[in-house]
Amino acid sequence: MDITKQVNELIDITTRLADLLKRENQALRNHDTQEANALLSEKNSLTEVYEEHVEAVMSHSEHLNKLEPKLKESLSTIGEKAKNLIEENAVLLRAAIV
């Protein structure tokens, strides 16, 4: 088990998910439901892959302290960015439904 490889994969998938959420959030702010709907399938797929990667990394969490500080920082940064985008997405989706 290579925790560095798993974390790099998690960073990659989280970055892809964050980029997609940015696009969806922009579409929702612009009331572009066609664009938002077009992103839905990809968002669902990326979310599944993201959850699998988080689970894989967390199942070996005892090895996280062995990571290079720069890699830990990258993971933390993209994680925080994704968290904020997910929260914004939830608000925008609720508003679009209303």
N, C-alpha and C. Protein backbone atom coordinates (compact mmCIF):
# COMPACT_ATOMS: atom_id res chain seq x y z
N MET A 1 0.85 -1.18 0.00
CA MET A 1 0.00 0.00 0.00
C MET A 1 0.90 1.24 0.00
N ASP A 2 0.69 2.09 -0.97
CA ASP A 2 1.49 3.31 -1.11
C ASP A 2 0.60 4.51 -0.79
N ILE A 3 0.72 5.00 0.44
CA ILE A 3 -0.14 6.11 0.88
C ILE A 3 0.11 7.37 0.05
N THR A 4 1.34 7.59 -0.38
CA THR A 4 1.64 8.77 -1.19
C THR A 4 0.88 8.72 -2.51
N LYS A 5 0.87 7.56 -3.13
CA LYS A 5 0.14 7.39 -4.40
C LYS A 5 -1.36 7.61 -4.17
N GLN A 6 -1.89 7.02 -3.10
CA GLN A 6 -3.32 7.17 -2.81
C GLN A 6 -3.68 8.63 -2.55
N VAL A 7 -2.84 9.35 -1.82
CA VAL A 7 -3.12 10.75 -1.53
C VAL A 7 -3.02 11.59 -2.80
N ASN A 8 -2.05 11.30 -3.64
CA ASN A 8 -1.95 12.03 -4.91
C ASN A 8 -3.19 11.80 -5.78
N GLU A 9 -3.69 10.56 -5.79
CA GLU A 9 -4.91 10.27 -6.54
C GLU A 9 -6.10 11.00 -5.94
N LEU A 10 -6.16 11.06 -4.60
CA LEU A 10 -7.24 11.79 -3.94
C LEU A 10 -7.18 13.28 -4.26
N ILE A 11 -5.98 13.83 -4.28
CA ILE A 11 -5.81 15.25 -4.64
C ILE A 11 -6.29 15.48 -6.07
N ASP A 12 -5.94 14.57 -6.96
CA ASP A 12 -6.34 14.71 -8.37
C ASP A 12 -7.86 14.66 -8.52
N ILE A 13 -8.50 13.68 -7.92
CA ILE A 13 -9.95 13.57 -8.05
C ILE A 13 -10.66 14.72 -7.36
N THR A 14 -10.13 15.17 -6.24
CA THR A 14 -10.74 16.30 -5.53
C THR A 14 -10.62 17.58 -6.36
N THR A 15 -9.50 17.75 -7.02
CA THR A 15 -9.31 18.90 -7.90
C THR A 15 -10.31 18.87 -9.06
N ARG A 16 -10.49 17.70 -9.64
CA ARG A 16 -11.45 17.56 -10.74
C ARG A 16 -12.87 17.85 -10.26
N LEU A 17 -13.21 17.34 -9.07
CA LEU A 17 -14.54 17.59 -8.51
C LEU A 17 -14.73 19.07 -8.20
N ALA A 18 -13.72 19.71 -7.64
CA ALA A 18 -13.81 21.14 -7.33
C ALA A 18 -14.01 21.96 -8.60
N ASP A 19 -13.29 21.62 -9.65
CA ASP A 19 -13.44 22.34 -10.92
C ASP A 19 -14.85 22.19 -11.47
N LEU A 20 -15.39 20.98 -11.39
CA LEU A 20 -16.75 20.75 -11.86
C LEU A 20 -17.76 21.52 -11.01
N LEU A 21 -17.57 21.53 -9.70
CA LEU A 21 -18.48 22.27 -8.82
C LEU A 21 -18.44 23.76 -9.11
N LYS A 22 -17.27 24.29 -9.41
CA LYS A 22 -17.17 25.71 -9.80
C LYS A 22 -18.03 25.99 -11.01
N ARG A 23 -17.94 25.10 -12.01
CA ARG A 23 -18.73 25.28 -13.23
C ARG A 23 -20.22 25.16 -12.94
N GLU A 24 -20.58 24.18 -12.13
CA GLU A 24 -22.01 24.01 -11.81
C GLU A 24 -22.52 25.19 -10.99
N ASN A 25 -21.75 25.63 -10.03
CA ASN A 25 -22.17 26.77 -9.21
C ASN A 25 -22.37 28.01 -10.07
N GLN A 26 -21.48 28.22 -11.01
CA GLN A 26 -21.62 29.37 -11.91
C GLN A 26 -22.90 29.24 -12.74
N ALA A 27 -23.15 28.04 -13.23
CA ALA A 27 -24.38 27.82 -14.02
C ALA A 27 -25.61 28.07 -13.16
N LEU A 28 -25.58 27.62 -11.92
CA LEU A 28 -26.72 27.83 -11.03
C LEU A 28 -26.91 29.32 -10.71
N ARG A 29 -25.81 30.04 -10.50
CA ARG A 29 -25.91 31.48 -10.25
C ARG A 29 -26.50 32.21 -11.46
N ASN A 30 -26.19 31.70 -12.65
CA ASN A 30 -26.69 32.30 -13.89
C ASN A 30 -28.06 31.75 -14.30
N HIS A 31 -28.63 30.90 -13.47
CA HIS A 31 -29.93 30.27 -13.75
C HIS A 31 -29.90 29.48 -15.05
N ASP A 32 -28.74 28.90 -15.35
CA ASP A 32 -28.55 28.10 -16.56
C ASP A 32 -28.76 26.63 -16.20
N THR A 33 -30.04 26.25 -16.09
CA THR A 33 -30.36 24.88 -15.68
C THR A 33 -29.91 23.84 -16.70
N GLN A 34 -29.86 24.22 -17.96
CA GLN A 34 -29.41 23.29 -18.99
C GLN A 34 -27.95 22.90 -18.74
N GLU A 35 -27.11 23.88 -18.47
CA GLU A 35 -25.69 23.60 -18.18
C GLU A 35 -25.55 22.81 -16.89
N ALA A 36 -26.29 23.21 -15.86
CA ALA A 36 -26.22 22.51 -14.57
C ALA A 36 -26.64 21.04 -14.74
N ASN A 37 -27.70 20.81 -15.47
CA ASN A 37 -28.15 19.44 -15.71
C ASN A 37 -27.14 18.64 -16.52
N ALA A 38 -26.47 19.30 -17.46
CA ALA A 38 -25.47 18.62 -18.28
C ALA A 38 -24.29 18.13 -17.44
N LEU A 39 -24.03 18.78 -16.32
CA LEU A 39 -22.90 18.42 -15.46
C LEU A 39 -23.27 17.35 -14.43
N LEU A 40 -24.54 17.08 -14.28
CA LEU A 40 -25.02 16.21 -13.21
C LEU A 40 -24.43 14.80 -13.25
N SER A 41 -24.42 14.18 -14.39
CA SER A 41 -23.91 12.81 -14.51
C SER A 41 -22.43 12.74 -14.14
N GLU A 42 -21.67 13.68 -14.67
CA GLU A 42 -20.24 13.72 -14.36
C GLU A 42 -20.01 14.00 -12.87
N LYS A 43 -20.82 14.88 -12.31
CA LYS A 43 -20.71 15.19 -10.88
C LYS A 43 -20.98 13.95 -10.04
N ASN A 44 -22.02 13.20 -10.39
CA ASN A 44 -22.34 11.98 -9.65
C ASN A 44 -21.20 10.96 -9.74
N SER A 45 -20.63 10.80 -10.92
CA SER A 45 -19.51 9.86 -11.10
C SER A 45 -18.29 10.29 -10.30
N LEU A 46 -17.94 11.57 -10.41
CA LEU A 46 -16.78 12.08 -9.67
C LEU A 46 -16.99 11.98 -8.17
N THR A 47 -18.21 12.22 -7.72
CA THR A 47 -18.50 12.12 -6.29
C THR A 47 -18.31 10.70 -5.79
N GLU A 48 -18.74 9.72 -6.56
CA GLU A 48 -18.54 8.31 -6.18
C GLU A 48 -17.06 7.98 -6.09
N VAL A 49 -16.30 8.39 -7.09
CA VAL A 49 -14.87 8.11 -7.11
C VAL A 49 -14.18 8.84 -5.95
N TYR A 50 -14.58 10.07 -5.70
CA TYR A 50 -14.04 10.84 -4.58
C TYR A 50 -14.27 10.10 -3.26
N GLU A 51 -15.50 9.65 -3.04
CA GLU A 51 -15.83 8.95 -1.80
C GLU A 51 -15.00 7.67 -1.65
N GLU A 52 -14.80 6.94 -2.74
CA GLU A 52 -13.98 5.73 -2.71
C GLU A 52 -12.54 6.06 -2.34
N HIS A 53 -12.01 7.15 -2.89
CA HIS A 53 -10.63 7.54 -2.60
C HIS A 53 -10.48 8.00 -1.15
N VAL A 54 -11.45 8.75 -0.66
CA VAL A 54 -11.40 9.18 0.75
C VAL A 54 -11.40 7.95 1.65
N GLU A 55 -12.29 7.01 1.36
CA GLU A 55 -12.37 5.80 2.17
C GLU A 55 -11.05 5.02 2.14
N ALA A 56 -10.45 4.91 0.96
CA ALA A 56 -9.18 4.18 0.84
C ALA A 56 -8.07 4.85 1.65
N VAL A 57 -7.99 6.17 1.56
CA VAL A 57 -6.96 6.90 2.31
C VAL A 57 -7.22 6.79 3.81
N MET A 58 -8.46 6.96 4.20
CA MET A 58 -8.78 6.93 5.63
C MET A 58 -8.60 5.54 6.23
N SER A 59 -8.71 4.51 5.41
CA SER A 59 -8.51 3.15 5.93
C SER A 59 -7.05 2.91 6.30
N HIS A 60 -6.18 3.80 5.84
CA HIS A 60 -4.75 3.73 6.17
C HIS A 60 -4.29 5.02 6.81
N SER A 61 -5.17 5.63 7.59
CA SER A 61 -4.89 6.94 8.16
C SER A 61 -3.66 6.95 9.06
N GLU A 62 -3.30 5.78 9.60
CA GLU A 62 -2.12 5.73 10.45
C GLU A 62 -0.84 6.05 9.67
N HIS A 63 -0.90 5.96 8.37
CA HIS A 63 0.27 6.25 7.53
C HIS A 63 0.32 7.71 7.07
N LEU A 64 -0.73 8.47 7.34
CA LEU A 64 -0.77 9.86 6.87
C LEU A 64 0.34 10.71 7.48
N ASN A 65 0.74 10.38 8.69
CA ASN A 65 1.80 11.18 9.32
C ASN A 65 3.16 10.99 8.64
N LYS A 66 3.27 10.01 7.77
CA LYS A 66 4.52 9.75 7.04
C LYS A 66 4.62 10.57 5.75
N LEU A 67 3.55 11.27 5.42
CA LEU A 67 3.54 12.05 4.18
C LEU A 67 4.46 13.26 4.27
N GLU A 68 4.96 13.66 3.13
CA GLU A 68 5.74 14.90 3.07
C GLU A 68 4.83 16.06 3.48
N PRO A 69 5.37 17.03 4.21
CA PRO A 69 4.55 18.18 4.62
C PRO A 69 3.88 18.90 3.45
N LYS A 70 4.59 19.01 2.33
CA LYS A 70 4.01 19.69 1.16
C LYS A 70 2.79 18.94 0.63
N LEU A 71 2.85 17.61 0.65
CA LEU A 71 1.73 16.81 0.18
C LEU A 71 0.55 16.93 1.14
N LYS A 72 0.82 16.92 2.44
CA LYS A 72 -0.24 17.12 3.44
C LYS A 72 -0.91 18.47 3.24
N GLU A 73 -0.09 19.49 2.98
CA GLU A 73 -0.63 20.84 2.76
C GLU A 73 -1.50 20.88 1.51
N SER A 74 -1.06 20.23 0.45
CA SER A 74 -1.84 20.19 -0.79
C SER A 74 -3.18 19.51 -0.57
N LEU A 75 -3.16 18.41 0.16
CA LEU A 75 -4.39 17.69 0.45
C LEU A 75 -5.33 18.55 1.29
N SER A 76 -4.80 19.21 2.28
CA SER A 76 -5.60 20.08 3.14
C SER A 76 -6.20 21.24 2.36
N THR A 77 -5.41 21.86 1.51
CA THR A 77 -5.85 23.01 0.72
C THR A 77 -6.98 22.63 -0.23
N ILE A 78 -6.79 21.55 -0.99
CA ILE A 78 -7.83 21.17 -1.94
C ILE A 78 -9.06 20.64 -1.21
N GLY A 79 -8.86 20.01 -0.07
CA GLY A 79 -9.99 19.54 0.73
C GLY A 79 -10.85 20.69 1.22
N GLU A 80 -10.21 21.75 1.68
CA GLU A 80 -10.94 22.92 2.16
C GLU A 80 -11.67 23.62 1.01
N LYS A 81 -11.00 23.70 -0.13
CA LYS A 81 -11.62 24.32 -1.31
C LYS A 81 -12.86 23.53 -1.73
N ALA A 82 -12.74 22.20 -1.77
CA ALA A 82 -13.87 21.37 -2.16
C ALA A 82 -15.01 21.49 -1.15
N LYS A 83 -14.68 21.51 0.13
CA LYS A 83 -15.70 21.65 1.17
C LYS A 83 -16.50 22.94 0.97
N ASN A 84 -15.81 24.03 0.72
CA ASN A 84 -16.48 25.32 0.50
C ASN A 84 -17.36 25.29 -0.74
N LEU A 85 -16.86 24.68 -1.81
CA LEU A 85 -17.65 24.59 -3.04
C LEU A 85 -18.87 23.69 -2.86
N ILE A 86 -18.73 22.62 -2.09
CA ILE A 86 -19.85 21.73 -1.82
C ILE A 86 -20.93 22.47 -1.03
N GLU A 87 -20.51 23.22 -0.03
CA GLU A 87 -21.46 24.00 0.76
C GLU A 87 -22.18 25.03 -0.10
N GLU A 88 -21.43 25.73 -0.94
CA GLU A 88 -22.03 26.72 -1.84
C GLU A 88 -22.99 26.03 -2.81
N ASN A 89 -22.60 24.87 -3.30
CA ASN A 89 -23.43 24.12 -4.24
C ASN A 89 -24.76 23.75 -3.60
N ALA A 90 -24.72 23.33 -2.35
CA ALA A 90 -25.95 22.96 -1.65
C ALA A 90 -26.90 24.16 -1.54
N VAL A 91 -26.35 25.31 -1.22
CA VAL A 91 -27.17 26.53 -1.11
C VAL A 91 -27.77 26.89 -2.47
N LEU A 92 -26.94 26.84 -3.51
CA LEU A 92 -27.42 27.21 -4.84
C LEU A 92 -28.45 26.21 -5.36
N LEU A 93 -28.26 24.94 -5.07
CA LEU A 93 -29.25 23.94 -5.49
C LEU A 93 -30.58 24.14 -4.79
N ARG A 94 -30.54 24.43 -3.49
CA ARG A 94 -31.78 24.70 -2.76
C ARG A 94 -32.49 25.91 -3.36
N ALA A 95 -31.72 26.94 -3.67
CA ALA A 95 -32.32 28.15 -4.25
C ALA A 95 -32.92 27.87 -5.62
N ALA A 96 -32.24 27.03 -6.40
CA ALA A 96 -32.75 26.70 -7.74
C ALA A 96 -34.04 25.90 -7.65
N ILE A 97 -34.14 25.06 -6.63
CA ILE A 97 -35.34 24.24 -6.48
C ILE A 97 -36.54 25.11 -6.10
N VAL A 98 -36.28 26.11 -5.26
CA VAL A 98 -37.35 27.01 -4.82
C VAL A 98 -37.67 27.90 -5.97
